[in-house]
Amino acid sequence: MDEPTIEEWRSLYDAAREFKQSAPWEWLMNEDVFGVRDPESGEIGWCVVLGAGRELFGLGIYLGDHGFDLMTRLHSGEIDPDVAAFQQRGLLAEFGDREELDERDRAVIKALGLRFRGRKAWPQFRSCVPDHAPWYLERAEARYLATALRQSLEVAHSCRAAADLEAFLRPAAGVLLVRSAPRPGEGFTDEHVRPDPPAPEADHPPVDRVRLQRILKDCERVRATWEFDVVHSPVIIGDGEERPYFALLALTVDHAEGAVVCCQVKEPPHDAGLMREQFLEAMHAARAIPAKVRLRGTRALLAIEPIAGVLKVDVEECADLEALETARGLLDSMMNSQGE
């Protein structure tokens, strides 16, 4: 891991201390979104000041077009916060209590000779990537987070003085305020940016027709409806050295009976290729081809439809997979109890 230098840590903690003392959550809400462009990478981090709800205090940053899309869907209620937690790509500077820090956090604070007093006063910094648990910062992340904290304060003070906060942050429909510097070390100025939609997922792998013919030969057609999904488990897997990940459950459940047809624990990434492979594996393991499969979401639909068409399996997109969620709850409880 490319850990920050002591100078980079000091810069970050100094920026966090100034941010905490200013307490911009006293006048900004979670919906007051703005961007800070990373002068090194050119990527925009979409910033949200946390603390209006008096529970979580700090700065959350959603990175890039993917981050902006996730943030927008989260604010609109389109996506559940528990689901979004597994999909985030971003950075977090949070102020909590001392007992919430771990040994690595306390070691950095001790090396810097810093002291913090009181509740919600201790800075903690984390990096988030999809399918993985929050993790420690690398050097480039620490440098950018320090920059984002400082520029967020600049925006926050301007917001406080603005006659029309909404017009200041959103000068036109679909356009947001972004703080940018042409190059590292140069001054930041305001620009106005219309966020792009996220890039589409990479093309799905081609359909393996030889394997499908083998399934048609070896598996019996059954008059059953299956529910299928690849879901995140709350179980975190890691050795403490590398970034830990959430175990993925590839789960197939009989819709009528609630019986688990197939369940496998897999590693990230959670992508269309994994979903397609695990649906094929479920049929192979059960030696059966269902009459219908119920799926949740566009990603699952795009992954499974091509092979379902070849196998003559009806596909139904559903908002809720009741039997699968019941089985998932039981499996999550079992996995959690084994990990304790």
Protein backbone atom coordinates (compact mmCIF):
# COMPACT_ATOMS: atom_id res chain seq x y z
CA MET A 1 0.00 0.00 0.00
CA ASP A 2 1.28 3.46 -0.98
CA GLU A 3 0.79 5.09 2.42
CA PRO A 4 0.81 8.89 2.85
CA THR A 5 3.99 10.52 4.10
CA ILE A 6 4.02 12.25 7.47
CA GLU A 7 3.89 15.62 5.64
CA GLU A 8 0.82 14.53 3.67
CA TRP A 9 -0.87 13.32 6.84
CA ARG A 10 -0.10 16.63 8.56
CA SER A 11 -1.60 18.60 5.68
CA LEU A 12 -4.74 16.46 5.78
CA TYR A 13 -5.20 16.73 9.55
CA ASP A 14 -4.62 20.50 9.42
CA ALA A 15 -7.33 20.79 6.75
CA ALA A 16 -9.68 18.61 8.80
CA ARG A 17 -9.10 20.65 11.94
CA GLU A 18 -9.96 23.88 10.09
CA PHE A 19 -13.05 22.25 8.57
CA LYS A 20 -14.24 21.07 12.00
CA GLN A 21 -13.69 24.47 13.61
CA SER A 22 -15.73 26.18 10.88
CA ALA A 23 -18.61 23.65 11.24
CA PRO A 24 -20.14 24.29 7.78
CA TRP A 25 -22.95 21.81 8.60
CA GLU A 26 -24.48 24.63 10.63
CA TRP A 27 -25.69 26.28 7.40
CA LEU A 28 -25.35 23.64 4.63
CA MET A 29 -27.60 20.65 4.03
CA ASN A 30 -26.83 17.22 2.54
CA GLU A 31 -28.55 18.30 -0.69
CA ASP A 32 -26.18 21.26 -1.20
CA VAL A 33 -23.85 19.55 -3.69
CA PHE A 34 -20.77 21.02 -5.38
CA GLY A 35 -17.62 19.70 -7.01
CA VAL A 36 -13.88 19.94 -6.37
CA ARG A 37 -11.71 18.91 -9.30
CA ASP A 38 -8.57 16.94 -8.39
CA PRO A 39 -5.67 19.01 -9.80
CA GLU A 40 -3.60 15.82 -10.25
CA SER A 41 -6.08 13.52 -12.00
CA GLY A 42 -8.60 16.04 -13.33
CA GLU A 43 -11.47 13.98 -11.89
CA ILE A 44 -14.30 15.78 -10.12
CA GLY A 45 -15.28 14.76 -6.61
CA TRP A 46 -18.87 15.69 -5.78
CA CYS A 47 -18.90 16.97 -2.22
CA VAL A 48 -21.57 16.80 0.45
CA VAL A 49 -21.14 18.45 3.86
CA LEU A 50 -22.41 16.00 6.50
CA GLY A 51 -23.85 17.03 9.84
CA ALA A 52 -27.21 18.74 9.35
CA GLY A 53 -28.86 15.65 10.80
CA ARG A 54 -26.60 15.80 13.87
CA GLU A 55 -25.50 12.17 13.52
CA LEU A 56 -22.59 12.00 11.07
CA PHE A 57 -20.26 15.01 10.81
CA GLY A 58 -17.71 15.57 8.07
CA LEU A 59 -17.34 15.64 4.30
CA GLY A 60 -18.44 12.92 1.89
CA ILE A 61 -17.05 12.85 -1.65
CA TYR A 62 -18.56 10.86 -4.51
CA LEU A 63 -15.94 10.43 -7.22
CA GLY A 64 -16.51 10.89 -10.94
CA ASP A 65 -19.57 10.30 -13.10
CA HIS A 66 -20.37 7.01 -11.34
CA GLY A 67 -20.26 8.76 -7.99
CA PHE A 68 -22.52 11.57 -9.13
CA ASP A 69 -25.06 9.11 -10.51
CA LEU A 70 -25.09 7.09 -7.27
CA MET A 71 -25.40 10.25 -5.15
CA THR A 72 -28.30 11.51 -7.27
CA ARG A 73 -30.18 8.22 -7.02
CA LEU A 74 -29.51 8.10 -3.27
CA HIS A 75 -30.85 11.62 -2.69
CA SER A 76 -33.95 10.91 -4.80
CA GLY A 77 -34.72 7.71 -2.89
CA GLU A 78 -34.30 5.60 -6.02
CA ILE A 79 -31.68 3.43 -4.31
CA ASP A 80 -31.67 2.15 -0.73
CA PRO A 81 -28.77 3.48 1.41
CA ASP A 82 -27.90 -0.08 2.47
CA VAL A 83 -27.53 -1.07 -1.20
CA ALA A 84 -25.64 2.12 -2.08
CA ALA A 85 -23.08 1.37 0.64
CA PHE A 86 -21.80 -1.56 -1.44
CA GLN A 87 -21.53 0.54 -4.62
CA GLN A 88 -19.80 3.71 -3.45
CA ARG A 89 -16.60 5.01 -4.96
CA GLY A 90 -15.48 7.95 -2.92
CA LEU A 91 -13.72 9.39 0.11
CA LEU A 92 -14.94 10.21 3.60
CA ALA A 93 -13.62 12.57 6.25
CA GLU A 94 -15.62 11.92 9.41
CA PHE A 95 -15.44 13.35 12.93
CA GLY A 96 -16.26 10.80 15.60
CA ASP A 97 -15.35 9.70 19.10
CA ARG A 98 -11.91 8.41 20.08
CA GLU A 99 -13.15 4.85 20.63
CA GLU A 100 -14.27 4.71 16.99
CA LEU A 101 -10.67 5.02 15.78
CA ASP A 102 -8.55 1.93 15.22
CA GLU A 103 -4.87 1.36 15.94
CA ARG A 104 -3.68 2.73 12.60
CA ASP A 105 -5.69 5.94 13.04
CA ARG A 106 -4.33 6.47 16.55
CA ALA A 107 -0.77 5.73 15.44
CA VAL A 108 -0.88 8.51 12.83
CA ILE A 109 -2.35 10.99 15.33
CA LYS A 110 0.35 10.09 17.86
CA ALA A 111 3.13 10.45 15.26
CA LEU A 112 1.83 13.93 14.41
CA GLY A 113 1.68 14.91 18.09
CA LEU A 114 -1.99 15.93 17.79
CA ARG A 115 -4.62 16.11 20.51
CA PHE A 116 -8.39 16.26 20.18
CA ARG A 117 -10.91 16.73 22.95
CA GLY A 118 -14.60 16.02 23.25
CA ARG A 119 -17.21 14.04 21.38
CA LYS A 120 -17.28 14.02 17.58
CA ALA A 121 -13.83 15.67 17.53
CA TRP A 122 -11.54 12.91 16.25
CA PRO A 123 -10.91 12.86 12.47
CA GLN A 124 -11.02 9.58 10.59
CA PHE A 125 -10.41 9.22 6.85
CA ARG A 126 -11.50 6.37 4.61
CA SER A 127 -11.52 5.35 0.95
CA CYS A 128 -14.51 3.54 -0.56
CA VAL A 129 -14.64 1.39 -3.71
CA PRO A 130 -17.50 -0.85 -4.90
CA ASP A 131 -17.83 -4.31 -3.35
CA HIS A 132 -15.24 -3.51 -0.65
CA ALA A 133 -15.26 -2.30 2.93
CA PRO A 134 -14.01 1.24 3.68
CA TRP A 135 -10.20 1.26 3.83
CA TYR A 136 -7.21 3.45 4.59
CA LEU A 137 -6.08 6.23 2.28
CA GLU A 138 -3.27 6.02 -0.22
CA ARG A 139 -1.03 9.01 -0.93
CA ALA A 140 -2.93 10.49 -3.87
CA GLU A 141 -6.22 10.11 -1.96
CA ALA A 142 -4.80 11.89 1.09
CA ARG A 143 -3.53 14.77 -1.02
CA TYR A 144 -6.84 15.17 -2.80
CA LEU A 145 -8.91 14.88 0.39
CA ALA A 146 -6.87 17.66 2.01
CA THR A 147 -7.49 19.82 -1.07
CA ALA A 148 -11.20 18.97 -1.10
CA LEU A 149 -11.61 19.88 2.58
CA ARG A 150 -10.00 23.28 2.03
CA GLN A 151 -11.93 24.04 -1.16
CA SER A 152 -15.17 22.86 0.43
CA LEU A 153 -14.68 25.48 3.11
CA GLU A 154 -14.18 28.12 0.43
CA VAL A 155 -17.47 27.08 -1.15
CA ALA A 156 -19.21 26.89 2.23
CA HIS A 157 -18.22 30.44 3.18
CA SER A 158 -19.36 31.70 -0.24
CA CYS A 159 -22.66 29.87 0.22
CA ARG A 160 -23.17 31.56 3.57
CA ALA A 161 -22.72 34.97 1.97
CA ALA A 162 -24.76 34.21 -1.17
CA ALA A 163 -28.07 36.00 -1.61
CA ASP A 164 -29.47 32.95 -3.43
CA LEU A 165 -27.83 29.69 -2.37
CA GLU A 166 -29.58 27.55 -4.99
CA ALA A 167 -28.58 29.89 -7.83
CA PHE A 168 -25.00 29.99 -6.56
CA LEU A 169 -24.58 26.20 -6.48
CA ARG A 170 -26.80 25.51 -9.53
CA PRO A 171 -26.57 28.48 -11.88
CA ALA A 172 -28.58 26.66 -14.58
CA ALA A 173 -30.63 23.50 -14.90
CA GLY A 174 -28.36 20.47 -14.62
CA VAL A 175 -25.27 22.65 -14.04
CA LEU A 176 -23.28 22.65 -10.78
CA LEU A 177 -20.52 24.73 -9.23
CA VAL A 178 -17.05 23.14 -9.33
CA ARG A 179 -13.81 24.45 -7.82
CA SER A 180 -10.88 23.85 -10.20
CA ALA A 181 -7.16 24.60 -10.52
CA PRO A 182 -5.47 24.41 -13.93
CA ARG A 183 -2.46 22.59 -12.50
CA PRO A 184 -1.22 21.39 -9.07
CA GLY A 185 -0.05 24.34 -7.02
CA GLU A 186 -2.09 26.93 -8.90
CA GLY A 187 -5.05 28.83 -7.49
CA PHE A 188 -8.61 27.49 -7.58
CA THR A 189 -11.43 29.29 -9.35
CA ASP A 190 -15.12 28.59 -9.93
CA GLU A 191 -16.34 26.80 -13.04
CA HIS A 192 -19.76 25.48 -13.98
CA VAL A 193 -20.08 21.86 -15.07
CA ARG A 194 -22.92 19.73 -16.40
CA PRO A 195 -22.21 16.21 -15.04
CA ASP A 196 -22.06 13.45 -17.66
CA PRO A 197 -24.04 10.23 -17.32
CA PRO A 198 -21.88 7.30 -16.17
CA ALA A 199 -20.18 5.25 -18.87
CA PRO A 200 -22.09 2.06 -19.71
CA GLU A 201 -20.81 -1.19 -18.28
CA ALA A 202 -18.27 -2.99 -20.43
CA ASP A 203 -19.69 -5.31 -23.07
CA HIS A 204 -20.86 -8.63 -21.75
CA PRO A 205 -18.82 -11.69 -22.64
CA PRO A 206 -20.12 -13.59 -25.67
CA VAL A 207 -22.64 -16.36 -25.06
CA ASP A 208 -20.88 -19.72 -24.68
CA ARG A 209 -23.13 -21.73 -26.99
CA VAL A 210 -21.16 -24.93 -26.50
CA ARG A 211 -21.86 -24.77 -22.77
CA LEU A 212 -25.51 -23.99 -23.38
CA GLN A 213 -25.83 -27.03 -25.64
CA ARG A 214 -24.29 -29.13 -22.87
CA ILE A 215 -26.86 -27.80 -20.39
CA LEU A 216 -29.68 -28.55 -22.86
CA LYS A 217 -28.34 -32.10 -23.15
CA ASP A 218 -27.60 -32.80 -19.48
CA CYS A 219 -30.34 -30.90 -17.66
CA GLU A 220 -34.04 -31.66 -17.34
CA ARG A 221 -36.67 -29.03 -18.00
CA VAL A 222 -38.77 -28.42 -14.87
CA ARG A 223 -42.01 -26.47 -14.41
CA ALA A 224 -40.47 -24.22 -11.79
CA THR A 225 -39.91 -20.52 -11.40
CA TRP A 226 -36.57 -19.54 -9.92
CA GLU A 227 -35.49 -16.29 -8.35
CA PHE A 228 -31.86 -15.43 -9.08
CA ASP A 229 -29.50 -12.66 -7.99
CA VAL A 230 -25.93 -11.99 -6.89
CA VAL A 231 -26.13 -10.04 -3.64
CA HIS A 232 -23.67 -8.62 -1.14
CA SER A 233 -23.26 -10.33 2.19
CA PRO A 234 -22.47 -8.31 5.33
CA VAL A 235 -19.53 -10.66 5.92
CA ILE A 236 -16.19 -8.90 5.32
CA ILE A 237 -13.26 -11.00 4.13
CA GLY A 238 -9.68 -9.79 4.50
CA ASP A 239 -6.37 -10.40 6.23
CA GLY A 240 -5.87 -6.87 7.56
CA GLU A 241 -3.16 -6.09 5.02
CA GLU A 242 -5.11 -5.79 1.76
CA ARG A 243 -8.39 -3.96 1.25
CA PRO A 244 -11.14 -6.29 2.58
CA TYR A 245 -14.17 -7.14 0.46
CA PHE A 246 -17.77 -8.08 1.06
CA ALA A 247 -18.52 -11.69 0.20
CA LEU A 248 -20.93 -12.06 -2.72
CA LEU A 249 -23.75 -14.60 -2.56
CA ALA A 250 -24.82 -16.05 -5.91
CA LEU A 251 -28.25 -17.21 -4.87
CA THR A 252 -30.93 -19.18 -6.72
CA VAL A 253 -34.20 -19.94 -4.91
CA ASP A 254 -37.37 -21.76 -5.94
CA HIS A 255 -40.08 -19.08 -6.05
CA ALA A 256 -42.96 -21.33 -4.95
CA GLU A 257 -41.24 -23.48 -2.34
CA GLY A 258 -38.58 -21.07 -1.04
CA ALA A 259 -35.98 -23.82 -1.24
CA VAL A 260 -32.40 -22.83 -2.11
CA VAL A 261 -31.55 -24.33 -5.50
CA CYS A 262 -27.92 -23.18 -5.48
CA CYS A 263 -25.78 -20.88 -3.36
CA GLN A 264 -22.14 -20.00 -3.87
CA VAL A 265 -19.88 -17.49 -2.11
CA LYS A 266 -17.84 -15.49 -4.60
CA GLU A 267 -15.28 -12.68 -4.68
CA PRO A 268 -15.72 -9.29 -6.42
CA PRO A 269 -16.15 -7.84 -8.92
CA HIS A 270 -19.92 -7.89 -8.94
CA ASP A 271 -20.43 -7.61 -12.70
CA ALA A 272 -22.55 -9.00 -15.51
CA GLY A 273 -20.01 -11.71 -16.28
CA LEU A 274 -20.24 -13.08 -12.74
CA MET A 275 -24.05 -13.04 -12.84
CA ARG A 276 -24.17 -14.95 -16.11
CA GLU A 277 -21.62 -17.52 -14.95
CA GLN A 278 -23.46 -18.16 -11.69
CA PHE A 279 -26.83 -18.63 -13.35
CA LEU A 280 -25.28 -21.24 -15.63
CA GLU A 281 -23.66 -22.84 -12.58
CA ALA A 282 -27.04 -23.02 -10.80
CA MET A 283 -28.59 -24.97 -13.67
CA HIS A 284 -25.56 -27.25 -13.87
CA ALA A 285 -25.66 -27.91 -10.10
CA ALA A 286 -29.42 -28.60 -10.07
CA ARG A 287 -29.29 -30.45 -13.41
CA ALA A 288 -32.45 -28.53 -14.24
CA ILE A 289 -33.66 -25.76 -16.57
CA PRO A 290 -36.48 -23.68 -15.05
CA ALA A 291 -39.54 -22.57 -16.99
CA LYS A 292 -39.09 -19.01 -15.74
CA VAL A 293 -36.50 -16.94 -13.89
CA ARG A 294 -37.34 -13.82 -11.88
CA LEU A 295 -34.62 -11.14 -11.86
CA ARG A 296 -34.14 -7.77 -10.20
CA GLY A 297 -32.68 -4.78 -12.02
CA THR A 298 -31.41 -3.89 -15.48
CA ARG A 299 -27.93 -5.33 -14.90
CA ALA A 300 -29.31 -8.80 -14.16
CA LEU A 301 -31.72 -8.58 -17.06
CA LEU A 302 -29.00 -7.69 -19.58
CA ALA A 303 -26.73 -10.43 -18.25
CA ILE A 304 -29.27 -13.28 -18.23
CA GLU A 305 -31.62 -12.52 -21.15
CA PRO A 306 -29.22 -13.70 -23.92
CA ILE A 307 -28.75 -17.15 -22.41
CA ALA A 308 -32.38 -17.43 -21.29
CA GLY A 309 -33.41 -16.83 -24.91
CA VAL A 310 -31.29 -19.73 -26.14
CA LEU A 311 -32.55 -22.02 -23.36
CA LYS A 312 -36.20 -20.98 -23.88
CA VAL A 313 -36.49 -19.74 -20.28
CA ASP A 314 -39.03 -16.96 -19.66
CA VAL A 315 -37.61 -13.90 -17.93
CA GLU A 316 -39.55 -11.67 -15.53
CA GLU A 317 -38.09 -8.47 -14.08
CA CYS A 318 -39.32 -7.85 -10.54
CA ALA A 319 -38.80 -5.08 -8.03
CA ASP A 320 -38.76 -7.58 -5.16
CA LEU A 321 -37.63 -11.19 -4.94
CA GLU A 322 -39.48 -12.31 -1.82
CA ALA A 323 -38.31 -15.92 -1.63
CA LEU A 324 -34.71 -14.98 -2.37
CA GLU A 325 -34.66 -12.24 0.29
CA THR A 326 -36.03 -14.63 2.91
CA ALA A 327 -33.31 -17.15 2.10
CA ARG A 328 -30.70 -14.41 2.01
CA GLY A 329 -31.65 -13.24 5.51
CA LEU A 330 -31.19 -16.74 6.90
CA LEU A 331 -27.85 -17.20 5.13
CA ASP A 332 -26.57 -13.81 6.30
CA SER A 333 -27.45 -14.71 9.89
CA MET A 334 -25.63 -18.03 9.59
CA MET A 335 -22.53 -16.43 8.07
CA ASN A 336 -22.47 -13.70 10.72
CA SER A 337 -22.75 -16.22 13.56
CA GLN A 338 -19.90 -18.28 12.10
CA GLY A 339 -17.72 -15.18 11.87
CA GLU A 340 -18.25 -14.23 15.54
